[in-house]
Structure formats: C-alpha cells, structure tokens
PDB file of all heavy atoms in Angstrom:
ATOM      1  N   PRO A   1      45.782 -22.981 -35.772  1.00  0.00           N
ATOM      2  CA  PRO A   1      46.957 -23.698 -35.258  1.00  0.00           C
ATOM      3  C   PRO A   1      47.404 -23.250 -33.876  1.00  0.00           C
ATOM      4  O   PRO A   1      48.259 -23.896 -33.265  1.00  0.00           O
ATOM      5  CB  PRO A   1      48.036 -23.375 -36.308  1.00  0.00           C
ATOM      6  CG  PRO A   1      47.650 -22.030 -36.837  1.00  0.00           C
ATOM      7  CD  PRO A   1      46.143 -22.014 -36.833  1.00  0.00           C
ATOM      8  N   VAL A   2      46.835 -22.141 -33.367  1.00  0.00           N
ATOM      9  CA  VAL A   2      47.303 -21.612 -32.082  1.00  0.00           C
ATOM     10  C   VAL A   2      46.174 -21.486 -31.066  1.00  0.00           C
ATOM     11  O   VAL A   2      46.318 -20.792 -30.058  1.00  0.00           O
ATOM     12  CB  VAL A   2      47.990 -20.233 -32.275  1.00  0.00           C
ATOM     13  CG1 VAL A   2      49.267 -20.374 -33.085  1.00  0.00           C
ATOM     14  CG2 VAL A   2      47.038 -19.229 -32.931  1.00  0.00           C
ATOM     15  N   LYS A   3      45.068 -22.166 -31.282  1.00  0.00           N
ATOM     16  CA  LYS A   3      43.909 -22.000 -30.394  1.00  0.00           C
ATOM     17  C   LYS A   3      44.219 -22.475 -28.981  1.00  0.00           C
ATOM     18  O   LYS A   3      45.081 -23.346 -28.756  1.00  0.00           O
ATOM     19  CB  LYS A   3      42.709 -22.772 -30.934  1.00  0.00           C
ATOM     20  CG  LYS A   3      42.876 -24.286 -30.968  1.00  0.00           C
ATOM     21  CD  LYS A   3      41.602 -24.944 -31.431  1.00  0.00           C
ATOM     22  CE  LYS A   3      41.732 -26.457 -31.528  1.00  0.00           C
ATOM     23  NZ  LYS A   3      42.581 -26.869 -32.657  1.00  0.00           N
ATOM     24  N   VAL A   4      43.502 -21.883 -28.030  1.00  0.00           N
ATOM     25  CA  VAL A   4      43.556 -22.325 -26.642  1.00  0.00           C
ATOM     26  C   VAL A   4      42.148 -22.771 -26.250  1.00  0.00           C
ATOM     27  O   VAL A   4      41.208 -22.640 -27.032  1.00  0.00           O
ATOM     28  CB  VAL A   4      44.052 -21.207 -25.710  1.00  0.00           C
ATOM     29  CG1 VAL A   4      45.486 -20.847 -26.023  1.00  0.00           C
ATOM     30  CG2 VAL A   4      43.147 -19.977 -25.806  1.00  0.00           C
ATOM     31  N   GLU A   5      42.005 -23.300 -25.057  1.00  0.00           N
ATOM     32  CA  GLU A   5      40.727 -23.886 -24.653  1.00  0.00           C
ATOM     33  C   GLU A   5      39.597 -22.864 -24.687  1.00  0.00           C
ATOM     34  O   GLU A   5      38.467 -23.173 -25.076  1.00  0.00           O
ATOM     35  CB  GLU A   5      40.863 -24.481 -23.247  1.00  0.00           C
ATOM     36  CG  GLU A   5      39.691 -25.373 -22.830  1.00  0.00           C
ATOM     37  CD  GLU A   5      38.542 -24.564 -22.215  1.00  0.00           C
ATOM     38  OE1 GLU A   5      38.814 -23.484 -21.664  1.00  0.00           O
ATOM     39  OE2 GLU A   5      37.388 -25.031 -22.305  1.00  0.00           O
ATOM     40  N   ARG A   6      39.904 -21.621 -24.334  1.00  0.00           N
ATOM     41  CA  ARG A   6      38.868 -20.582 -24.310  1.00  0.00           C
ATOM     42  C   ARG A   6      38.258 -20.365 -25.691  1.00  0.00           C
ATOM     43  O   ARG A   6      37.070 -20.050 -25.806  1.00  0.00           O
ATOM     44  CB  ARG A   6      39.470 -19.279 -23.787  1.00  0.00           C
ATOM     45  CG  ARG A   6      38.444 -18.184 -23.597  1.00  0.00           C
ATOM     46  CD  ARG A   6      39.073 -16.901 -23.099  1.00  0.00           C
ATOM     47  NE  ARG A   6      38.059 -15.944 -22.688  1.00  0.00           N
ATOM     48  CZ  ARG A   6      38.332 -14.712 -22.256  1.00  0.00           C
ATOM     49  NH1 ARG A   6      39.580 -14.300 -22.170  1.00  0.00           N
ATOM     50  NH2 ARG A   6      37.354 -13.901 -21.903  1.00  0.00           N
ATOM     51  N   CYS A   7      39.058 -20.548 -26.735  1.00  0.00           N
ATOM     52  CA  CYS A   7      38.579 -20.325 -28.106  1.00  0.00           C
ATOM     53  C   CYS A   7      37.447 -21.282 -28.473  1.00  0.00           C
ATOM     54  O   CYS A   7      36.624 -20.975 -29.330  1.00  0.00           O
ATOM     55  CB  CYS A   7      39.727 -20.497 -29.105  1.00  0.00           C
ATOM     56  SG  CYS A   7      41.157 -19.427 -28.797  1.00  0.00           S
ATOM     57  N   THR A   8      37.404 -22.447 -27.838  1.00  0.00           N
ATOM     58  CA  THR A   8      36.404 -23.456 -28.180  1.00  0.00           C
ATOM     59  C   THR A   8      35.058 -23.210 -27.504  1.00  0.00           C
ATOM     60  O   THR A   8      34.071 -23.858 -27.866  1.00  0.00           O
ATOM     61  CB  THR A   8      36.897 -24.856 -27.795  1.00  0.00           C
ATOM     62  OG1 THR A   8      37.007 -24.939 -26.364  1.00  0.00           O
ATOM     63  CG2 THR A   8      38.258 -25.153 -28.420  1.00  0.00           C
ATOM     64  N   ARG A   9      35.007 -22.287 -26.538  1.00  0.00           N
ATOM     65  CA  ARG A   9      33.752 -22.081 -25.808  1.00  0.00           C
ATOM     66  C   ARG A   9      33.275 -20.631 -25.760  1.00  0.00           C
ATOM     67  O   ARG A   9      32.103 -20.386 -25.511  1.00  0.00           O
ATOM     68  CB  ARG A   9      33.892 -22.619 -24.377  1.00  0.00           C
ATOM     69  CG  ARG A   9      35.061 -22.058 -23.603  1.00  0.00           C
ATOM     70  CD  ARG A   9      35.182 -22.689 -22.205  1.00  0.00           C
ATOM     71  NE  ARG A   9      36.412 -22.304 -21.528  1.00  0.00           N
ATOM     72  CZ  ARG A   9      36.578 -21.156 -20.875  1.00  0.00           C
ATOM     73  NH1 ARG A   9      35.573 -20.294 -20.798  1.00  0.00           N
ATOM     74  NH2 ARG A   9      37.721 -20.888 -20.287  1.00  0.00           N
ATOM     75  N   GLU A  10      34.146 -19.655 -26.016  1.00  0.00           N
ATOM     76  CA  GLU A  10      33.741 -18.251 -25.979  1.00  0.00           C
ATOM     77  C   GLU A  10      34.084 -17.568 -27.300  1.00  0.00           C
ATOM     78  O   GLU A  10      35.200 -17.713 -27.797  1.00  0.00           O
ATOM     79  CB  GLU A  10      34.443 -17.496 -24.839  1.00  0.00           C
ATOM     80  CG  GLU A  10      34.014 -17.931 -23.450  1.00  0.00           C
ATOM     81  CD  GLU A  10      34.683 -17.068 -22.391  1.00  0.00           C
ATOM     82  OE1 GLU A  10      34.662 -15.821 -22.535  1.00  0.00           O
ATOM     83  OE2 GLU A  10      35.245 -17.636 -21.444  1.00  0.00           O
ATOM     84  N   ARG A  11      33.138 -16.836 -27.833  1.00  0.00           N
ATOM     85  CA  ARG A  11      33.361 -16.140 -29.096  1.00  0.00           C
ATOM     86  C   ARG A  11      33.915 -14.745 -28.821  1.00  0.00           C
ATOM     87  O   ARG A  11      33.276 -13.949 -28.131  1.00  0.00           O
ATOM     88  CB  ARG A  11      32.054 -16.041 -29.883  1.00  0.00           C
ATOM     89  CG  ARG A  11      32.229 -15.467 -31.271  1.00  0.00           C
ATOM     90  CD  ARG A  11      30.933 -15.530 -32.049  1.00  0.00           C
ATOM     91  NE  ARG A  11      29.910 -14.664 -31.481  1.00  0.00           N
ATOM     92  CZ  ARG A  11      28.678 -14.545 -31.981  1.00  0.00           C
ATOM     93  NH1 ARG A  11      28.326 -15.280 -33.033  1.00  0.00           N
ATOM     94  NH2 ARG A  11      27.800 -13.735 -31.424  1.00  0.00           N
ATOM     95  N   PRO A  12      35.075 -14.410 -29.353  1.00  0.00           N
ATOM     96  CA  PRO A  12      35.661 -13.081 -29.100  1.00  0.00           C
ATOM     97  C   PRO A  12      34.995 -12.001 -29.952  1.00  0.00           C
ATOM     98  O   PRO A  12      34.575 -12.242 -31.083  1.00  0.00           O
ATOM     99  CB  PRO A  12      37.126 -13.261 -29.513  1.00  0.00           C
ATOM    100  CG  PRO A  12      37.087 -14.326 -30.568  1.00  0.00           C
ATOM    101  CD  PRO A  12      35.966 -15.256 -30.176  1.00  0.00           C
ATOM    102  N   ASP A  13      34.891 -10.806 -29.413  1.00  0.00           N
ATOM    103  CA  ASP A  13      34.433  -9.644 -30.167  1.00  0.00           C
ATOM    104  C   ASP A  13      35.647  -8.864 -30.659  1.00  0.00           C
ATOM    105  O   ASP A  13      36.779  -9.076 -30.193  1.00  0.00           O
ATOM    106  CB  ASP A  13      33.566  -8.743 -29.289  1.00  0.00           C
ATOM    107  CG  ASP A  13      32.238  -9.395 -28.919  1.00  0.00           C
ATOM    108  OD1 ASP A  13      31.654 -10.064 -29.793  1.00  0.00           O
ATOM    109  OD2 ASP A  13      31.805  -9.237 -27.758  1.00  0.00           O
ATOM    110  N   LEU A  14      35.426  -7.959 -31.591  1.00  0.00           N
ATOM    111  CA  LEU A  14      36.513  -7.113 -32.071  1.00  0.00           C
ATOM    112  C   LEU A  14      37.052  -6.258 -30.925  1.00  0.00           C
ATOM    113  O   LEU A  14      36.289  -5.695 -30.147  1.00  0.00           O
ATOM    114  CB  LEU A  14      36.038  -6.200 -33.202  1.00  0.00           C
ATOM    115  CG  LEU A  14      35.793  -6.842 -34.571  1.00  0.00           C
ATOM    116  CD1 LEU A  14      35.149  -5.816 -35.504  1.00  0.00           C
ATOM    117  CD2 LEU A  14      37.081  -7.366 -35.177  1.00  0.00           C
ATOM    118  N   ALA A  15      38.367  -6.183 -30.844  1.00  0.00           N
ATOM    119  CA  ALA A  15      39.014  -5.364 -29.823  1.00  0.00           C
ATOM    120  C   ALA A  15      40.336  -4.843 -30.397  1.00  0.00           C
ATOM    121  O   ALA A  15      40.900  -5.452 -31.311  1.00  0.00           O
ATOM    122  CB  ALA A  15      39.276  -6.185 -28.557  1.00  0.00           C
ATOM    123  N   PRO A  16      40.843  -3.713 -29.897  1.00  0.00           N
ATOM    124  CA  PRO A  16      42.075  -3.144 -30.458  1.00  0.00           C
ATOM    125  C   PRO A  16      43.253  -4.101 -30.344  1.00  0.00           C
ATOM    126  O   PRO A  16      43.447  -4.764 -29.328  1.00  0.00           O
ATOM    127  CB  PRO A  16      42.296  -1.896 -29.604  1.00  0.00           C
ATOM    128  CG  PRO A  16      40.947  -1.546 -29.061  1.00  0.00           C
ATOM    129  CD  PRO A  16      40.259  -2.858 -28.841  1.00  0.00           C
ATOM    130  N   ALA A  17      44.044  -4.155 -31.413  1.00  0.00           N
ATOM    131  CA  ALA A  17      45.293  -4.929 -31.431  1.00  0.00           C
ATOM    132  C   ALA A  17      46.242  -4.193 -32.357  1.00  0.00           C
ATOM    133  O   ALA A  17      46.237  -4.407 -33.562  1.00  0.00           O
ATOM    134  CB  ALA A  17      45.054  -6.357 -31.909  1.00  0.00           C
ATOM    135  N   GLY A  18      47.036  -3.291 -31.804  1.00  0.00           N
ATOM    136  CA  GLY A  18      47.888  -2.451 -32.626  1.00  0.00           C
ATOM    137  C   GLY A  18      47.040  -1.457 -33.405  1.00  0.00           C
ATOM    138  O   GLY A  18      46.146  -0.812 -32.872  1.00  0.00           O
ATOM    139  N   ALA A  19      47.272  -1.376 -34.722  1.00  0.00           N
ATOM    140  CA  ALA A  19      46.526  -0.432 -35.561  1.00  0.00           C
ATOM    141  C   ALA A  19      45.187  -0.988 -35.999  1.00  0.00           C
ATOM    142  O   ALA A  19      44.370  -0.263 -36.575  1.00  0.00           O
ATOM    143  CB  ALA A  19      47.363  -0.066 -36.785  1.00  0.00           C
ATOM    144  N   SER A  20      44.932  -2.270 -35.733  1.00  0.00           N
ATOM    145  CA  SER A  20      43.709  -2.926 -36.199  1.00  0.00           C
ATOM    146  C   SER A  20      42.782  -3.259 -35.040  1.00  0.00           C
ATOM    147  O   SER A  20      43.161  -3.162 -33.872  1.00  0.00           O
ATOM    148  CB  SER A  20      44.060  -4.224 -36.948  1.00  0.00           C
ATOM    149  OG  SER A  20      44.913  -3.960 -38.033  1.00  0.00           O
ATOM    150  N   ASP A  21      41.563  -3.674 -35.388  1.00  0.00           N
ATOM    151  CA  ASP A  21      40.644  -4.301 -34.437  1.00  0.00           C
ATOM    152  C   ASP A  21      40.553  -5.764 -34.823  1.00  0.00           C
ATOM    153  O   ASP A  21      40.375  -6.097 -36.006  1.00  0.00           O
ATOM    154  CB  ASP A  21      39.266  -3.654 -34.498  1.00  0.00           C
ATOM    155  CG  ASP A  21      39.245  -2.263 -33.888  1.00  0.00           C
ATOM    156  OD1 ASP A  21      40.126  -1.964 -33.064  1.00  0.00           O
ATOM    157  OD2 ASP A  21      38.361  -1.472 -34.243  1.00  0.00           O
ATOM    158  N   VAL A  22      40.679  -6.649 -33.829  1.00  0.00           N
ATOM    159  CA  VAL A  22      40.793  -8.084 -34.103  1.00  0.00           C
ATOM    160  C   VAL A  22      39.884  -8.857 -33.163  1.00  0.00           C
ATOM    161  O   VAL A  22      39.786  -8.546 -31.970  1.00  0.00           O
ATOM    162  CB  VAL A  22      42.250  -8.567 -33.926  1.00  0.00           C
ATOM    163  CG1 VAL A  22      42.380 -10.034 -34.288  1.00  0.00           C
ATOM    164  CG2 VAL A  22      43.201  -7.741 -34.778  1.00  0.00           C
ATOM    165  N   ALA A  23      39.219  -9.894 -33.699  1.00  0.00           N
ATOM    166  CA  ALA A  23      38.375 -10.769 -32.885  1.00  0.00           C
ATOM    167  C   ALA A  23      39.147 -12.055 -32.608  1.00  0.00           C
ATOM    168  O   ALA A  23      38.963 -13.067 -33.282  1.00  0.00           O
ATOM    169  CB  ALA A  23      37.064 -11.061 -33.605  1.00  0.00           C
ATOM    170  N   CYS A  24      40.044 -11.994 -31.648  1.00  0.00           N
ATOM    171  CA  CYS A  24      40.865 -13.159 -31.298  1.00  0.00           C
ATOM    172  C   CYS A  24      41.335 -13.016 -29.865  1.00  0.00           C
ATOM    173  O   CYS A  24      41.859 -11.967 -29.474  1.00  0.00           O
ATOM    174  CB  CYS A  24      42.066 -13.261 -32.241  1.00  0.00           C
ATOM    175  SG  CYS A  24      43.188 -14.634 -31.855  1.00  0.00           S
ATOM    176  N   TRP A  25      41.169 -14.088 -29.087  1.00  0.00           N
ATOM    177  CA  TRP A  25      41.587 -14.039 -27.691  1.00  0.00           C
ATOM    178  C   TRP A  25      43.099 -13.878 -27.553  1.00  0.00           C
ATOM    179  O   TRP A  25      43.583 -13.336 -26.560  1.00  0.00           O
ATOM    180  CB  TRP A  25      41.152 -15.310 -26.954  1.00  0.00           C
ATOM    181  CG  TRP A  25      39.671 -15.445 -26.811  1.00  0.00           C
ATOM    182  CD1 TRP A  25      38.883 -16.453 -27.272  1.00  0.00           C
ATOM    183  CD2 TRP A  25      38.773 -14.536 -26.159  1.00  0.00           C
ATOM    184  NE1 TRP A  25      37.558 -16.245 -26.970  1.00  0.00           N
ATOM    185  CE2 TRP A  25      37.460 -15.066 -26.283  1.00  0.00           C
ATOM    186  CE3 TRP A  25      38.948 -13.317 -25.500  1.00  0.00           C
ATOM    187  CZ2 TRP A  25      36.346 -14.416 -25.760  1.00  0.00           C
ATOM    188  CZ3 TRP A  25      37.828 -12.672 -24.984  1.00  0.00           C
ATOM    189  CH2 TRP A  25      36.551 -13.229 -25.107  1.00  0.00           C
ATOM    190  N   LEU A  26      43.866 -14.317 -28.543  1.00  0.00           N
ATOM    191  CA  LEU A  26      45.318 -14.276 -28.433  1.00  0.00           C
ATOM    192  C   LEU A  26      45.924 -13.006 -29.023  1.00  0.00           C
ATOM    193  O   LEU A  26      47.078 -12.707 -28.755  1.00  0.00           O
ATOM    194  CB  LEU A  26      45.939 -15.494 -29.135  1.00  0.00           C
ATOM    195  CG  LEU A  26      45.431 -16.854 -28.662  1.00  0.00           C
ATOM    196  CD1 LEU A  26      46.184 -17.972 -29.356  1.00  0.00           C
ATOM    197  CD2 LEU A  26      45.571 -16.982 -27.156  1.00  0.00           C
ATOM    198  N   SER A  27      45.169 -12.268 -29.825  1.00  0.00           N
ATOM    199  CA  SER A  27      45.711 -11.090 -30.501  1.00  0.00           C
ATOM    200  C   SER A  27      45.309  -9.787 -29.849  1.00  0.00           C
ATOM    201  O   SER A  27      46.031  -8.801 -29.920  1.00  0.00           O
ATOM    202  CB  SER A  27      45.256 -11.066 -31.965  1.00  0.00           C
ATOM    203  OG  SER A  27      45.675 -12.220 -32.642  1.00  0.00           O
ATOM    204  N   SER A  28      44.144  -9.770 -29.241  1.00  0.00           N
ATOM    205  CA  SER A  28      43.607  -8.537 -28.685  1.00  0.00           C
ATOM    206  C   SER A  28      44.457  -8.043 -27.522  1.00  0.00           C
ATOM    207  O   SER A  28      44.976  -8.819 -26.728  1.00  0.00           O
ATOM    208  CB  SER A  28      42.175  -8.764 -28.213  1.00  0.00           C
ATOM    209  OG  SER A  28      41.762  -7.742 -27.350  1.00  0.00           O
ATOM    210  N   THR A  29      44.581  -6.712 -27.405  1.00  0.00           N
ATOM    211  CA  THR A  29      45.310  -6.131 -26.285  1.00  0.00           C
ATOM    212  C   THR A  29      44.558  -6.315 -24.977  1.00  0.00           C
ATOM    213  O   THR A  29      45.100  -6.063 -23.901  1.00  0.00           O
ATOM    214  CB  THR A  29      45.534  -4.623 -26.517  1.00  0.00           C
ATOM    215  OG1 THR A  29      44.282  -4.003 -26.791  1.00  0.00           O
ATOM    216  CG2 THR A  29      46.479  -4.386 -27.689  1.00  0.00           C
ATOM    217  N   THR A  30      43.303  -6.751 -25.057  1.00  0.00           N
ATOM    218  CA  THR A  30      42.549  -6.999 -23.831  1.00  0.00           C
ATOM    219  C   THR A  30      42.837  -8.394 -23.272  1.00  0.00           C
ATOM    220  O   THR A  30      42.437  -8.718 -22.165  1.00  0.00           O
ATOM    221  CB  THR A  30      41.042  -6.871 -24.079  1.00  0.00           C
ATOM    222  OG1 THR A  30      40.645  -7.831 -25.073  1.00  0.00           O
ATOM    223  CG2 THR A  30      40.681  -5.477 -24.579  1.00  0.00           C
ATOM    224  N   ALA A  31      43.494  -9.232 -24.066  1.00  0.00           N
ATOM    225  CA  ALA A  31      43.831 -10.581 -23.597  1.00  0.00           C
ATOM    226  C   ALA A  31      45.085 -10.501 -22.727  1.00  0.00           C
ATOM    227  O   ALA A  31      46.106  -9.998 -23.140  1.00  0.00           O
ATOM    228  CB  ALA A  31      44.076 -11.505 -24.778  1.00  0.00           C
ATOM    229  N   THR A  32      45.010 -10.989 -21.507  1.00  0.00           N
ATOM    230  CA  THR A  32      46.146 -10.960 -20.604  1.00  0.00           C
ATOM    231  C   THR A  32      47.000 -12.201 -20.780  1.00  0.00           C
ATOM    232  O   THR A  32      46.574 -13.205 -21.343  1.00  0.00           O
ATOM    233  CB  THR A  32      45.667 -10.891 -19.136  1.00  0.00           C
ATOM    234  OG1 THR A  32      44.985 -12.120 -18.832  1.00  0.00           O
ATOM    235  CG2 THR A  32      44.704  -9.727 -18.939  1.00  0.00           C
ATOM    236  N   GLU A  33      48.232 -12.128 -20.309  1.00  0.00           N
ATOM    237  CA  GLU A  33      49.114 -13.288 -20.389  1.00  0.00           C
ATOM    238  C   GLU A  33      48.519 -14.477 -19.649  1.00  0.00           C
ATOM    239  O   GLU A  33      48.662 -15.624 -20.065  1.00  0.00           O
ATOM    240  CB  GLU A  33      50.491 -12.937 -19.808  1.00  0.00           C
ATOM    241  CG  GLU A  33      51.279 -11.953 -20.660  1.00  0.00           C
ATOM    242  CD  GLU A  33      52.663 -11.724 -20.098  1.00  0.00           C
ATOM    243  OE1 GLU A  33      53.021 -12.429 -19.114  1.00  0.00           O
ATOM    244  OE2 GLU A  33      53.383 -10.875 -20.606  1.00  0.00           O
ATOM    245  N   ASP A  34      47.817 -14.198 -18.551  1.00  0.00           N
ATOM    246  CA  ASP A  34      47.223 -15.299 -17.794  1.00  0.00           C
ATOM    247  C   ASP A  34      46.115 -15.983 -18.601  1.00  0.00           C
ATOM    248  O   ASP A  34      45.990 -17.208 -18.584  1.00  0.00           O
ATOM    249  CB  ASP A  34      46.637 -14.751 -16.482  1.00  0.00           C
ATOM    250  CG  ASP A  34      46.073 -15.849 -15.610  1.00  0.00           C
ATOM    251  OD1 ASP A  34      46.872 -16.671 -15.107  1.00  0.00           O
ATOM    252  OD2 ASP A  34      44.820 -15.921 -15.455  1.00  0.00           O
TER     253      ASP A  34
END
C-alpha cells in the first residue's frame, strides 16, 4: 500500500532499520528522504 516507483524496478537488499534488518526502500536507514 505504500510502494514508490523505485520499488517496481529495483529489488532492495536487507539493511539496518532500528533493531531489525529490513529489505524495503522505505524502511531502511539507508533510504534518504529524497
């Protein structure tokens, strides 16, 4: 329900998001606001 255009063309890898590792462009701490 919250996908962005990047989600349809690039597959995210696991990356830190708080106490967990998450494979999501919107959840990962590596995802910038831009």
